[in-house]
Amino acid sequence: MARAWTESYAAMEYRHGPITISDRASLVCCIGPEPSGLRDEVESTGALFAADAIDPVAALVRAQRLAVALAARRGLNPDRPRHISRSVILAGAFRPTVSEATRILRS
């Protein structure tokens, strides 16, 4: 929607890859409890570290609002993302009957 690259990782997985691409143009958001030492590691790369002591679901809402604002600033319509079709049709997809689905869910 905002054409901004985002990825999610378990907090301490940051040390095993994402840290290599963090720089002063990066924002690293911590959703949930902030692990000890993570802020220092992020800030050592020059990246901005953002963490709040709010409910993780509320933090996701805040991240969504940031994406919408970024899209608007870039002149993009978040309700009309480019290259997205209205539906996805999977050829040969498994389509269980109601009784099959019920059996699968109960097993």
N, C-alpha and C. Protein backbone atom coordinates (compact mmCIF):
# COMPACT_ATOMS: atom_id res chain seq x y z
N MET A 1 0.81 -1.17 0.00
CA MET A 1 0.00 0.00 0.00
C MET A 1 0.86 1.25 0.00
N ALA A 2 1.93 1.29 0.81
CA ALA A 2 2.78 2.47 0.86
C ALA A 2 4.06 2.27 0.04
N ARG A 3 4.20 1.07 -0.51
CA ARG A 3 5.42 0.70 -1.24
C ARG A 3 6.66 0.90 -0.38
N ALA A 4 6.57 0.48 0.87
CA ALA A 4 7.69 0.52 1.80
C ALA A 4 8.03 -0.92 2.16
N TRP A 5 9.29 -1.27 2.10
CA TRP A 5 9.70 -2.64 2.40
C TRP A 5 9.57 -2.89 3.89
N THR A 6 8.87 -3.96 4.25
CA THR A 6 8.73 -4.35 5.65
C THR A 6 8.93 -5.84 5.79
N GLU A 7 9.44 -6.24 6.93
CA GLU A 7 9.59 -7.65 7.26
C GLU A 7 9.35 -7.80 8.75
N SER A 8 8.91 -8.97 9.15
CA SER A 8 8.75 -9.20 10.59
C SER A 8 9.60 -10.39 11.00
N TYR A 9 10.16 -10.27 12.17
CA TYR A 9 11.02 -11.31 12.73
C TYR A 9 10.75 -11.39 14.23
N ALA A 10 11.03 -12.54 14.79
CA ALA A 10 11.05 -12.63 16.24
C ALA A 10 12.15 -11.67 16.71
N ALA A 11 11.93 -10.99 17.82
CA ALA A 11 12.82 -9.90 18.24
C ALA A 11 14.30 -10.25 18.20
N MET A 12 14.68 -11.36 18.76
CA MET A 12 16.11 -11.66 18.84
C MET A 12 16.67 -12.25 17.54
N GLU A 13 15.82 -12.52 16.56
CA GLU A 13 16.30 -12.93 15.24
C GLU A 13 16.93 -11.76 14.50
N TYR A 14 16.70 -10.55 15.00
CA TYR A 14 17.29 -9.35 14.40
C TYR A 14 18.79 -9.50 14.25
N ARG A 15 19.41 -10.17 15.19
CA ARG A 15 20.88 -10.36 15.19
C ARG A 15 21.36 -11.26 14.06
N HIS A 16 20.47 -12.03 13.47
CA HIS A 16 20.88 -13.05 12.50
C HIS A 16 20.52 -12.72 11.06
N GLY A 17 20.54 -11.48 10.69
CA GLY A 17 20.24 -11.12 9.31
C GLY A 17 19.79 -9.69 9.13
N PRO A 18 18.64 -9.32 9.72
CA PRO A 18 18.15 -7.96 9.51
C PRO A 18 19.15 -6.88 9.95
N ILE A 19 19.98 -7.19 10.93
CA ILE A 19 20.95 -6.20 11.39
C ILE A 19 21.89 -5.78 10.25
N THR A 20 22.09 -6.67 9.28
CA THR A 20 23.01 -6.35 8.19
C THR A 20 22.47 -5.30 7.23
N ILE A 21 21.16 -5.11 7.21
CA ILE A 21 20.60 -4.11 6.29
C ILE A 21 20.08 -2.87 7.01
N SER A 22 20.21 -2.84 8.33
CA SER A 22 19.77 -1.67 9.09
C SER A 22 20.81 -0.57 8.97
N ASP A 23 20.32 0.66 8.76
CA ASP A 23 21.20 1.82 8.70
C ASP A 23 20.42 3.05 9.11
N ARG A 24 20.99 4.22 8.93
CA ARG A 24 20.33 5.44 9.40
C ARG A 24 19.04 5.75 8.66
N ALA A 25 18.75 5.05 7.57
CA ALA A 25 17.50 5.22 6.84
C ALA A 25 16.45 4.18 7.24
N SER A 26 16.74 3.40 8.29
CA SER A 26 15.85 2.31 8.71
C SER A 26 15.10 2.66 9.99
N LEU A 27 13.90 2.13 10.07
CA LEU A 27 13.10 2.19 11.29
C LEU A 27 12.86 0.76 11.73
N VAL A 28 13.23 0.44 12.95
CA VAL A 28 13.01 -0.90 13.50
C VAL A 28 11.99 -0.75 14.62
N CYS A 29 10.82 -1.38 14.43
CA CYS A 29 9.75 -1.31 15.42
C CYS A 29 9.71 -2.60 16.22
N CYS A 30 9.64 -2.46 17.51
CA CYS A 30 9.52 -3.62 18.39
C CYS A 30 8.08 -3.67 18.87
N ILE A 31 7.37 -4.72 18.49
CA ILE A 31 5.98 -4.89 18.90
C ILE A 31 5.96 -5.99 19.95
N GLY A 32 5.59 -5.63 21.16
CA GLY A 32 5.63 -6.57 22.27
C GLY A 32 6.75 -6.18 23.21
N PRO A 33 7.05 -7.04 24.16
CA PRO A 33 8.08 -6.73 25.15
C PRO A 33 9.44 -6.50 24.47
N GLU A 34 10.14 -5.49 24.93
CA GLU A 34 11.46 -5.15 24.36
C GLU A 34 12.54 -5.99 25.03
N PRO A 35 13.21 -6.88 24.27
CA PRO A 35 14.27 -7.69 24.87
C PRO A 35 15.45 -6.83 25.29
N SER A 36 16.07 -7.22 26.36
CA SER A 36 17.24 -6.52 26.88
C SER A 36 18.35 -6.48 25.82
N GLY A 37 18.90 -5.30 25.59
CA GLY A 37 20.01 -5.14 24.67
C GLY A 37 19.64 -4.90 23.23
N LEU A 38 18.39 -5.13 22.86
CA LEU A 38 18.01 -4.99 21.45
C LEU A 38 18.10 -3.54 21.00
N ARG A 39 17.63 -2.61 21.82
CA ARG A 39 17.68 -1.19 21.45
C ARG A 39 19.11 -0.76 21.14
N ASP A 40 20.05 -1.15 21.99
CA ASP A 40 21.45 -0.77 21.77
C ASP A 40 21.99 -1.34 20.46
N GLU A 41 21.64 -2.59 20.16
CA GLU A 41 22.10 -3.21 18.91
C GLU A 41 21.55 -2.48 17.69
N VAL A 42 20.27 -2.13 17.74
CA VAL A 42 19.65 -1.42 16.61
C VAL A 42 20.28 -0.04 16.45
N GLU A 43 20.38 0.68 17.55
CA GLU A 43 20.91 2.04 17.48
C GLU A 43 22.38 2.07 17.06
N SER A 44 23.12 0.99 17.30
CA SER A 44 24.53 0.95 16.89
C SER A 44 24.68 0.93 15.37
N THR A 45 23.61 0.56 14.66
CA THR A 45 23.65 0.57 13.19
C THR A 45 23.26 1.93 12.62
N GLY A 46 22.77 2.82 13.48
CA GLY A 46 22.28 4.11 13.02
C GLY A 46 20.78 4.12 12.79
N ALA A 47 20.14 2.96 12.88
CA ALA A 47 18.70 2.87 12.66
C ALA A 47 17.94 3.47 13.84
N LEU A 48 16.72 3.91 13.56
CA LEU A 48 15.83 4.43 14.59
C LEU A 48 15.09 3.24 15.20
N PHE A 49 15.06 3.17 16.52
CA PHE A 49 14.38 2.09 17.22
C PHE A 49 13.12 2.63 17.85
N ALA A 50 11.99 1.99 17.60
CA ALA A 50 10.70 2.41 18.17
C ALA A 50 10.09 1.25 18.93
N ALA A 51 9.74 1.51 20.17
CA ALA A 51 9.08 0.50 20.99
C ALA A 51 8.14 1.22 21.96
N ASP A 52 6.99 0.63 22.20
CA ASP A 52 6.03 1.18 23.14
C ASP A 52 5.61 0.08 24.09
N ALA A 53 5.23 0.48 25.26
CA ALA A 53 4.73 -0.48 26.24
C ALA A 53 3.22 -0.58 26.12
N ILE A 54 2.73 -0.66 24.88
CA ILE A 54 1.29 -0.79 24.67
C ILE A 54 0.97 -2.21 24.20
N ASP A 55 -0.28 -2.54 24.23
CA ASP A 55 -0.72 -3.85 23.76
C ASP A 55 -0.23 -4.08 22.33
N PRO A 56 0.32 -5.26 22.01
CA PRO A 56 0.82 -5.51 20.65
C PRO A 56 -0.22 -5.30 19.56
N VAL A 57 -1.48 -5.58 19.83
CA VAL A 57 -2.52 -5.36 18.82
C VAL A 57 -2.67 -3.86 18.55
N ALA A 58 -2.61 -3.06 19.60
CA ALA A 58 -2.67 -1.61 19.43
C ALA A 58 -1.46 -1.12 18.65
N ALA A 59 -0.30 -1.72 18.88
CA ALA A 59 0.91 -1.35 18.14
C ALA A 59 0.75 -1.68 16.65
N LEU A 60 0.09 -2.78 16.33
CA LEU A 60 -0.16 -3.12 14.92
C LEU A 60 -1.08 -2.10 14.27
N VAL A 61 -2.08 -1.63 15.01
CA VAL A 61 -2.97 -0.60 14.49
C VAL A 61 -2.17 0.66 14.20
N ARG A 62 -1.28 1.01 15.10
CA ARG A 62 -0.43 2.18 14.89
C ARG A 62 0.46 2.01 13.66
N ALA A 63 1.00 0.83 13.47
CA ALA A 63 1.84 0.57 12.28
C ALA A 63 1.01 0.68 11.00
N GLN A 64 -0.21 0.20 11.03
CA GLN A 64 -1.11 0.30 9.88
C GLN A 64 -1.41 1.77 9.56
N ARG A 65 -1.66 2.55 10.59
CA ARG A 65 -1.93 3.98 10.39
C ARG A 65 -0.71 4.69 9.81
N LEU A 66 0.49 4.29 10.25
CA LEU A 66 1.71 4.86 9.69
C LEU A 66 1.81 4.53 8.20
N ALA A 67 1.50 3.29 7.82
CA ALA A 67 1.55 2.89 6.41
C ALA A 67 0.56 3.68 5.57
N VAL A 68 -0.63 3.91 6.10
CA VAL A 68 -1.64 4.69 5.37
C VAL A 68 -1.16 6.13 5.20
N ALA A 69 -0.59 6.70 6.25
CA ALA A 69 -0.08 8.07 6.17
C ALA A 69 1.08 8.17 5.17
N LEU A 70 1.95 7.18 5.17
CA LEU A 70 3.07 7.17 4.23
C LEU A 70 2.56 7.07 2.79
N ALA A 71 1.56 6.22 2.58
CA ALA A 71 0.97 6.09 1.24
C ALA A 71 0.38 7.43 0.79
N ALA A 72 -0.34 8.08 1.67
CA ALA A 72 -0.95 9.38 1.33
C ALA A 72 0.12 10.41 1.00
N ARG A 73 1.18 10.41 1.78
CA ARG A 73 2.27 11.37 1.54
C ARG A 73 2.91 11.14 0.18
N ARG A 74 2.93 9.89 -0.25
CA ARG A 74 3.51 9.55 -1.55
C ARG A 74 2.51 9.67 -2.69
N GLY A 75 1.29 10.09 -2.39
CA GLY A 75 0.27 10.24 -3.41
C GLY A 75 -0.33 8.93 -3.87
N LEU A 76 -0.27 7.91 -3.03
CA LEU A 76 -0.80 6.58 -3.36
C LEU A 76 -2.16 6.39 -2.69
N ASN A 77 -3.01 5.61 -3.31
CA ASN A 77 -4.31 5.30 -2.74
C ASN A 77 -4.22 3.91 -2.11
N PRO A 78 -4.22 3.82 -0.78
CA PRO A 78 -4.08 2.53 -0.14
C PRO A 78 -5.24 1.58 -0.41
N ASP A 79 -6.37 2.12 -0.87
CA ASP A 79 -7.52 1.27 -1.19
C ASP A 79 -7.45 0.71 -2.61
N ARG A 80 -6.46 1.14 -3.36
CA ARG A 80 -6.28 0.67 -4.74
C ARG A 80 -4.81 0.35 -5.00
N PRO A 81 -4.27 -0.67 -4.31
CA PRO A 81 -2.86 -1.01 -4.55
C PRO A 81 -2.66 -1.51 -5.97
N ARG A 82 -1.53 -1.19 -6.55
CA ARG A 82 -1.29 -1.58 -7.93
C ARG A 82 -0.95 -3.07 -8.03
N HIS A 83 -1.26 -3.65 -9.16
CA HIS A 83 -0.94 -5.03 -9.48
C HIS A 83 -1.60 -6.07 -8.57
N ILE A 84 -2.70 -5.72 -7.94
CA ILE A 84 -3.41 -6.67 -7.08
C ILE A 84 -4.74 -6.99 -7.74
N SER A 85 -5.01 -8.28 -7.92
CA SER A 85 -6.31 -8.67 -8.47
C SER A 85 -7.32 -8.74 -7.34
N ARG A 86 -8.58 -8.80 -7.69
CA ARG A 86 -9.63 -8.82 -6.68
C ARG A 86 -9.73 -10.15 -5.95
N SER A 87 -9.31 -11.21 -6.60
CA SER A 87 -9.38 -12.50 -5.94
C SER A 87 -8.26 -13.40 -6.46
N VAL A 88 -7.99 -14.41 -5.69
CA VAL A 88 -6.98 -15.38 -6.06
C VAL A 88 -7.69 -16.69 -6.33
N ILE A 89 -7.45 -17.26 -7.49
CA ILE A 89 -8.07 -18.53 -7.86
C ILE A 89 -6.96 -19.56 -7.99
N LEU A 90 -7.04 -20.59 -7.21
CA LEU A 90 -6.03 -21.64 -7.23
C LEU A 90 -6.55 -22.79 -8.08
N ALA A 91 -5.88 -23.04 -9.18
CA ALA A 91 -6.28 -24.14 -10.05
C ALA A 91 -6.04 -25.46 -9.34
N GLY A 92 -7.01 -26.31 -9.37
CA GLY A 92 -6.87 -27.64 -8.77
C GLY A 92 -6.82 -27.63 -7.26
N ALA A 93 -7.27 -26.56 -6.64
CA ALA A 93 -7.24 -26.46 -5.18
C ALA A 93 -8.18 -27.48 -4.56
N PHE A 94 -7.81 -28.00 -3.40
CA PHE A 94 -8.63 -28.95 -2.66
C PHE A 94 -9.84 -28.20 -2.10
N ARG A 95 -11.03 -28.66 -2.44
CA ARG A 95 -12.26 -28.04 -1.95
C ARG A 95 -13.09 -29.11 -1.26
N PRO A 96 -12.93 -29.22 0.06
CA PRO A 96 -13.66 -30.27 0.77
C PRO A 96 -15.15 -29.94 0.86
N THR A 97 -15.94 -30.98 0.95
CA THR A 97 -17.36 -30.79 1.22
C THR A 97 -17.50 -30.38 2.69
N VAL A 98 -18.68 -29.97 3.08
CA VAL A 98 -18.90 -29.57 4.47
C VAL A 98 -18.60 -30.73 5.42
N SER A 99 -19.04 -31.93 5.06
CA SER A 99 -18.80 -33.07 5.94
C SER A 99 -17.32 -33.41 6.01
N GLU A 100 -16.58 -33.30 4.88
CA GLU A 100 -15.14 -33.54 4.89
C GLU A 100 -14.41 -32.50 5.75
N ALA A 101 -14.80 -31.23 5.59
CA ALA A 101 -14.17 -30.16 6.37
C ALA A 101 -14.41 -30.37 7.86
N THR A 102 -15.62 -30.76 8.22
CA THR A 102 -15.95 -31.01 9.61
C THR A 102 -15.10 -32.15 10.16
N ARG A 103 -14.97 -33.23 9.39
CA ARG A 103 -14.16 -34.38 9.80
C ARG A 103 -12.70 -33.98 9.98
N ILE A 104 -12.16 -33.17 9.05
CA ILE A 104 -10.78 -32.73 9.13
C ILE A 104 -10.54 -31.87 10.35
N LEU A 105 -11.48 -30.95 10.62
CA LEU A 105 -11.32 -30.05 11.76
C LEU A 105 -11.41 -30.78 13.10
N ARG A 106 -12.16 -31.86 13.13
CA ARG A 106 -12.33 -32.62 14.36
C ARG A 106 -11.20 -33.61 14.60
N SER A 107 -10.42 -33.89 13.59
CA SER A 107 -9.35 -34.89 13.76
C SER A 107 -8.10 -34.30 14.34
